[in-house]
Amino acid sequence: MISNYLTIDVEDYYHVSAFENIIGYQRWNDYYPRVTINTRVVLDILDEHKVKATFFILGWVAEKFPSLVRDIYERGHEIACHSYLHRLVYNMSPAEFKRDTARSKDTLEQISGNAVLGYRAPSYSITKKSLWALDILEELGFTYDSSIFPIVHDRYGIPDAPRFKYKLANNNMVEYPISTSLFCGMKLPVSGGGYFRLFPYSFTRMVLRKINNKEKRPFVFYLHPWELDPEQPRIKKTGMISKFRHYNNLNKTAWRFQQLLADFKFQPIVDVASPPYK
């Protein structure tokens, strides 16, 4: 059985890009955090299924809750970087991006005591207009990126990017793109998050099995801890599209996630040889 890449983007419900015009990072401390309890729900499910994953952690979360980072690490999962303040890359200058990323990477390494090798941009915001960020990531010591989504979308995407793991053209890093399935000749996003909640699980399982069994390739799957939390507070004054994307089928995610772990084999993106990774 092919081993796929399981990734968890550790952020709270009020950190998401869909709400950034309503809740700036200056107001994050005004909201009651649910990220620790939700992430530990994910961790317990992974323990139950004996699955290890890559956790892309927001630096702001790591500074506020260092014990959560240590718990993730001590349970044998990979610690990776998801920026510090969840700002879209293409809305920052290169200098701002470098400061934000370096702060997050350093925080995660200080807490875990282990090198952080992987990066994922908030909302997959490494696009054609922010490819300059890849050179900065290499300069900071990252060995791989998982930010490029090869689809058309209003917030992210490089539609003509490769669908599977590849070496980036102008540096020595490796890209693990967010997975898509070819469906009726089109690239269909099926690899987690809102798409996991939107499509019936039977459809998701079918197209992911197609990637494994017909294309003989692993897929990259992602999930946020807040997606297992149907009781989270509702953010008012946001648009209908954002509301649908964020709240659709939250009550079904935990069950679907359990099924996914039973139906497929998973591993972290980087399987580090030294403890605690297995």
Protein backbone atom coordinates (compact mmCIF):
# COMPACT_ATOMS: atom_id res chain seq x y z
CA MET A 1 0.00 0.00 0.00
CA ILE A 2 1.31 3.45 -0.93
CA SER A 3 2.11 5.70 2.03
CA ASN A 4 0.60 9.16 1.63
CA TYR A 5 1.55 12.43 3.31
CA LEU A 6 -0.70 13.60 6.15
CA THR A 7 -0.40 17.25 7.13
CA ILE A 8 -2.14 19.27 9.84
CA ASP A 9 -2.20 23.08 9.68
CA VAL A 10 -2.25 24.22 13.31
CA GLU A 11 -4.14 27.49 13.59
CA ASP A 12 -7.26 28.63 15.43
CA TYR A 13 -10.68 29.38 13.97
CA TYR A 14 -10.09 33.16 14.07
CA HIS A 15 -6.72 32.96 12.27
CA VAL A 16 -8.06 31.96 8.86
CA SER A 17 -7.57 34.23 5.85
CA ALA A 18 -11.32 34.41 5.24
CA PHE A 19 -11.70 36.45 8.44
CA GLU A 20 -8.56 38.59 8.25
CA ASN A 21 -10.45 41.73 7.18
CA ILE A 22 -12.71 41.35 10.22
CA ILE A 23 -10.24 40.04 12.81
CA GLY A 24 -6.75 41.45 12.39
CA TYR A 25 -3.91 39.82 14.28
CA GLN A 26 -3.97 42.78 16.66
CA ARG A 27 -7.29 41.42 17.98
CA TRP A 28 -6.40 37.72 18.25
CA ASN A 29 -5.96 37.96 22.02
CA ASP A 30 -9.59 39.06 22.30
CA TYR A 31 -10.82 35.62 21.25
CA TYR A 32 -10.98 32.53 23.43
CA PRO A 33 -8.47 30.00 22.06
CA ARG A 34 -9.65 26.54 21.05
CA VAL A 35 -6.53 25.45 19.19
CA THR A 36 -5.02 23.41 22.01
CA ILE A 37 -8.06 21.27 22.73
CA ASN A 38 -8.84 20.81 19.02
CA THR A 39 -5.27 19.86 18.15
CA ARG A 40 -5.18 17.34 20.96
CA VAL A 41 -8.38 15.80 19.57
CA VAL A 42 -6.47 15.32 16.31
CA LEU A 43 -3.47 13.93 18.19
CA ASP A 44 -5.64 11.41 20.06
CA ILE A 45 -7.23 10.23 16.81
CA LEU A 46 -3.78 9.81 15.25
CA ASP A 47 -2.61 7.86 18.31
CA GLU A 48 -5.63 5.59 17.99
CA HIS A 49 -4.74 4.80 14.38
CA LYS A 50 -0.97 4.73 15.01
CA VAL A 51 -0.40 7.39 12.35
CA LYS A 52 2.31 10.08 12.31
CA ALA A 53 1.88 13.37 10.48
CA THR A 54 3.54 16.68 9.66
CA PHE A 55 2.17 19.56 11.75
CA PHE A 56 2.57 22.97 10.09
CA ILE A 57 2.30 25.22 13.14
CA LEU A 58 1.62 28.93 13.29
CA GLY A 59 4.46 30.68 15.14
CA TRP A 60 1.98 32.83 17.09
CA VAL A 61 0.32 29.65 18.37
CA ALA A 62 3.70 28.15 19.29
CA GLU A 63 4.67 31.21 21.36
CA LYS A 64 1.34 31.22 23.18
CA PHE A 65 1.16 27.47 23.74
CA PRO A 66 4.67 25.96 23.73
CA SER A 67 3.42 22.89 25.61
CA LEU A 68 1.24 22.07 22.59
CA VAL A 69 4.28 22.07 20.31
CA ARG A 70 6.16 19.85 22.74
CA ASP A 71 3.19 17.47 22.92
CA ILE A 72 3.04 17.19 19.13
CA TYR A 73 6.78 16.55 18.96
CA GLU A 74 6.86 14.08 21.83
CA ARG A 75 4.08 12.05 20.24
CA GLY A 76 6.39 11.48 17.29
CA HIS A 77 5.13 13.96 14.71
CA GLU A 78 7.10 16.30 12.48
CA ILE A 79 7.17 19.99 13.40
CA ALA A 80 7.00 22.34 10.41
CA CYS A 81 6.36 26.05 9.84
CA HIS A 82 3.08 27.73 8.85
CA SER A 83 4.31 31.35 9.14
CA TYR A 84 4.08 33.49 12.26
CA LEU A 85 1.00 35.70 11.71
CA HIS A 86 -0.83 33.84 8.92
CA ARG A 87 -0.39 36.70 6.46
CA LEU A 88 -0.77 35.99 2.76
CA VAL A 89 2.69 35.87 1.21
CA TYR A 90 1.82 37.97 -1.83
CA ASN A 91 0.57 40.77 0.44
CA MET A 92 3.99 41.08 2.12
CA SER A 93 7.28 42.52 0.98
CA PRO A 94 10.24 40.10 0.81
CA ALA A 95 11.68 41.71 3.95
CA GLU A 96 8.41 41.29 5.86
CA PHE A 97 8.10 37.69 4.71
CA LYS A 98 11.63 36.89 5.81
CA ARG A 99 11.11 38.39 9.28
CA ASP A 100 7.78 36.63 9.76
CA THR A 101 9.10 33.24 8.63
CA ALA A 102 12.39 33.45 10.51
CA ARG A 103 10.60 34.31 13.75
CA SER A 104 8.27 31.35 13.40
CA LYS A 105 11.02 28.90 12.44
CA ASP A 106 13.22 30.00 15.33
CA THR A 107 10.34 29.74 17.81
CA LEU A 108 9.45 26.22 16.70
CA GLU A 109 13.07 25.08 16.79
CA GLN A 110 13.65 26.54 20.25
CA ILE A 111 10.60 24.75 21.64
CA SER A 112 11.12 21.38 19.94
CA GLY A 113 14.91 21.36 19.97
CA ASN A 114 14.81 20.02 16.43
CA ALA A 115 15.47 21.53 13.00
CA VAL A 116 12.37 22.72 11.15
CA LEU A 117 12.74 21.71 7.51
CA GLY A 118 9.29 22.26 5.99
CA TYR A 119 7.17 25.33 5.24
CA ARG A 120 3.56 25.86 4.17
CA ALA A 121 2.26 29.32 3.32
CA PRO A 122 -1.02 30.59 4.80
CA SER A 123 -3.82 29.80 2.35
CA TYR A 124 -1.25 28.36 -0.11
CA SER A 125 -0.29 31.93 -1.03
CA ILE A 126 2.90 31.13 -2.90
CA THR A 127 1.62 31.90 -6.38
CA LYS A 128 3.27 33.13 -9.55
CA LYS A 129 3.44 36.64 -8.07
CA SER A 130 5.21 35.44 -4.91
CA LEU A 131 7.66 32.82 -6.20
CA TRP A 132 10.43 35.03 -4.79
CA ALA A 133 9.51 33.57 -1.39
CA LEU A 134 11.02 30.20 -2.31
CA ASP A 135 14.54 31.64 -2.44
CA ILE A 136 14.03 33.17 1.01
CA LEU A 137 12.85 29.83 2.36
CA GLU A 138 16.01 28.15 1.10
CA GLU A 139 18.13 30.95 2.59
CA LEU A 140 16.46 30.35 5.97
CA GLY A 141 17.33 26.66 5.87
CA PHE A 142 14.14 24.98 4.72
CA THR A 143 14.57 21.89 2.55
CA TYR A 144 11.01 21.57 1.30
CA ASP A 145 7.86 23.58 0.68
CA SER A 146 4.21 22.50 0.54
CA SER A 147 2.45 25.68 -0.51
CA ILE A 148 1.70 25.34 -4.20
CA PHE A 149 -1.81 24.26 -5.17
CA PRO A 150 -2.00 23.41 -8.90
CA ILE A 151 -5.54 24.71 -9.43
CA VAL A 152 -7.45 27.88 -10.31
CA HIS A 153 -8.79 29.64 -7.21
CA ASP A 154 -9.66 33.19 -6.18
CA ARG A 155 -7.06 33.23 -3.37
CA TYR A 156 -4.31 30.80 -4.41
CA GLY A 157 -3.07 28.41 -7.06
CA ILE A 158 -0.59 27.89 -9.88
CA PRO A 159 -2.74 25.94 -12.35
CA ASP A 160 0.10 24.67 -14.55
CA ALA A 161 2.33 23.50 -11.68
CA PRO A 162 3.14 19.76 -11.45
CA ARG A 163 0.67 17.64 -9.51
CA PHE A 164 3.23 15.54 -7.63
CA LYS A 165 6.47 15.99 -5.68
CA TYR A 166 9.18 17.75 -7.68
CA LYS A 167 12.44 19.66 -7.28
CA LEU A 168 11.95 23.40 -7.57
CA ALA A 169 13.56 24.87 -10.66
CA ASN A 170 15.75 27.63 -9.23
CA ASN A 171 16.86 26.25 -5.87
CA ASN A 172 17.58 23.00 -4.06
CA MET A 173 14.26 22.62 -2.26
CA VAL A 174 11.59 20.03 -3.02
CA GLU A 175 7.94 20.95 -3.52
CA TYR A 176 5.12 18.77 -2.17
CA PRO A 177 2.11 20.29 -3.96
CA ILE A 178 -1.38 20.01 -2.53
CA SER A 179 -2.90 17.05 -4.32
CA THR A 180 -5.50 17.08 -7.06
CA SER A 181 -7.27 14.33 -8.96
CA LEU A 182 -7.85 14.29 -12.70
CA PHE A 183 -11.60 14.13 -13.13
CA CYS A 184 -13.18 14.50 -16.56
CA GLY A 185 -9.91 15.98 -17.80
CA MET A 186 -9.79 18.66 -15.11
CA LYS A 187 -7.71 19.05 -11.94
CA LEU A 188 -10.07 18.61 -9.02
CA PRO A 189 -8.98 19.62 -5.49
CA VAL A 190 -9.71 16.61 -3.29
CA SER A 191 -6.92 16.65 -0.76
CA GLY A 192 -8.48 18.00 2.41
CA GLY A 193 -9.77 21.07 4.18
CA GLY A 194 -12.96 22.55 2.80
CA TYR A 195 -12.96 20.08 -0.08
CA PHE A 196 -12.94 17.20 2.40
CA ARG A 197 -16.02 18.69 4.05
CA LEU A 198 -17.75 19.60 0.77
CA PHE A 199 -17.62 16.29 -1.10
CA PRO A 200 -19.27 13.10 0.22
CA TYR A 201 -16.64 10.87 1.80
CA SER A 202 -17.38 8.08 -0.68
CA PHE A 203 -16.36 10.41 -3.52
CA THR A 204 -13.21 11.56 -1.72
CA ARG A 205 -12.17 7.96 -1.08
CA MET A 206 -12.78 7.03 -4.72
CA VAL A 207 -10.63 9.81 -6.20
CA LEU A 208 -7.84 9.39 -3.63
CA ARG A 209 -7.74 5.65 -4.35
CA LYS A 210 -7.43 6.54 -8.02
CA ILE A 211 -4.28 8.55 -7.27
CA ASN A 212 -2.79 5.61 -5.35
CA ASN A 213 -3.98 2.69 -7.47
CA LYS A 214 -4.05 4.05 -11.02
CA GLU A 215 -1.42 6.78 -10.95
CA LYS A 216 0.72 4.90 -8.40
CA ARG A 217 1.54 8.12 -6.55
CA PRO A 218 1.11 9.32 -2.95
CA PHE A 219 -1.18 12.25 -2.24
CA VAL A 220 -0.71 15.16 0.17
CA PHE A 221 -3.68 15.53 2.52
CA TYR A 222 -4.30 18.50 4.84
CA LEU A 223 -6.66 19.34 7.68
CA HIS A 224 -7.06 22.08 10.30
CA PRO A 225 -7.88 21.26 13.94
CA TRP A 226 -10.76 23.78 13.92
CA GLU A 227 -12.45 21.67 11.24
CA LEU A 228 -13.23 19.05 13.92
CA ASP A 229 -14.92 21.66 16.11
CA PRO A 230 -18.58 22.27 15.21
CA GLU A 231 -19.07 24.14 18.50
CA GLN A 232 -16.64 26.94 17.65
CA PRO A 233 -18.00 30.51 17.91
CA ARG A 234 -19.44 31.90 14.69
CA ILE A 235 -17.75 34.96 13.24
CA LYS A 236 -20.33 37.56 12.24
CA LYS A 237 -20.12 40.20 9.50
CA THR A 238 -18.43 37.91 6.98
CA GLY A 239 -19.58 37.09 3.45
CA MET A 240 -21.72 34.13 2.49
CA ILE A 241 -18.92 32.44 0.54
CA SER A 242 -16.53 32.65 3.49
CA LYS A 243 -19.21 31.39 5.86
CA PHE A 244 -19.92 28.41 3.62
CA ARG A 245 -16.25 27.56 3.16
CA HIS A 246 -15.53 27.72 6.88
CA TYR A 247 -18.63 26.19 8.49
CA ASN A 248 -19.86 23.66 5.93
CA ASN A 249 -20.12 20.13 7.41
CA LEU A 250 -17.95 20.76 10.48
CA ASN A 251 -20.04 18.16 12.28
CA LYS A 252 -18.95 15.47 9.81
CA THR A 253 -15.19 16.04 9.78
CA ALA A 254 -14.19 13.89 12.75
CA TRP A 255 -16.00 10.82 11.42
CA ARG A 256 -14.63 11.33 7.91
CA PHE A 257 -11.12 11.76 9.29
CA GLN A 258 -11.40 8.48 11.19
CA GLN A 259 -12.51 6.76 7.98
CA LEU A 260 -9.68 8.30 6.00
CA LEU A 261 -7.08 6.99 8.45
CA ALA A 262 -8.62 3.52 8.27
CA ASP A 263 -8.75 3.50 4.46
CA PHE A 264 -5.29 4.85 3.60
CA LYS A 265 -1.71 4.65 4.83
CA PHE A 266 0.02 7.86 5.94
CA GLN A 267 3.37 9.26 7.07
CA PRO A 268 4.93 12.69 7.72
CA ILE A 269 6.49 14.49 4.78
CA VAL A 270 9.94 14.20 6.34
CA ASP A 271 10.74 11.07 8.30
CA VAL A 272 13.65 12.24 10.45
CA ALA A 273 15.95 9.43 11.55
CA SER A 274 16.63 10.68 15.09
CA PRO A 275 14.07 10.28 17.89
CA PRO A 276 11.19 10.79 18.37
CA TYR A 277 10.38 10.10 14.73
CA LYS A 278 9.83 6.50 13.77
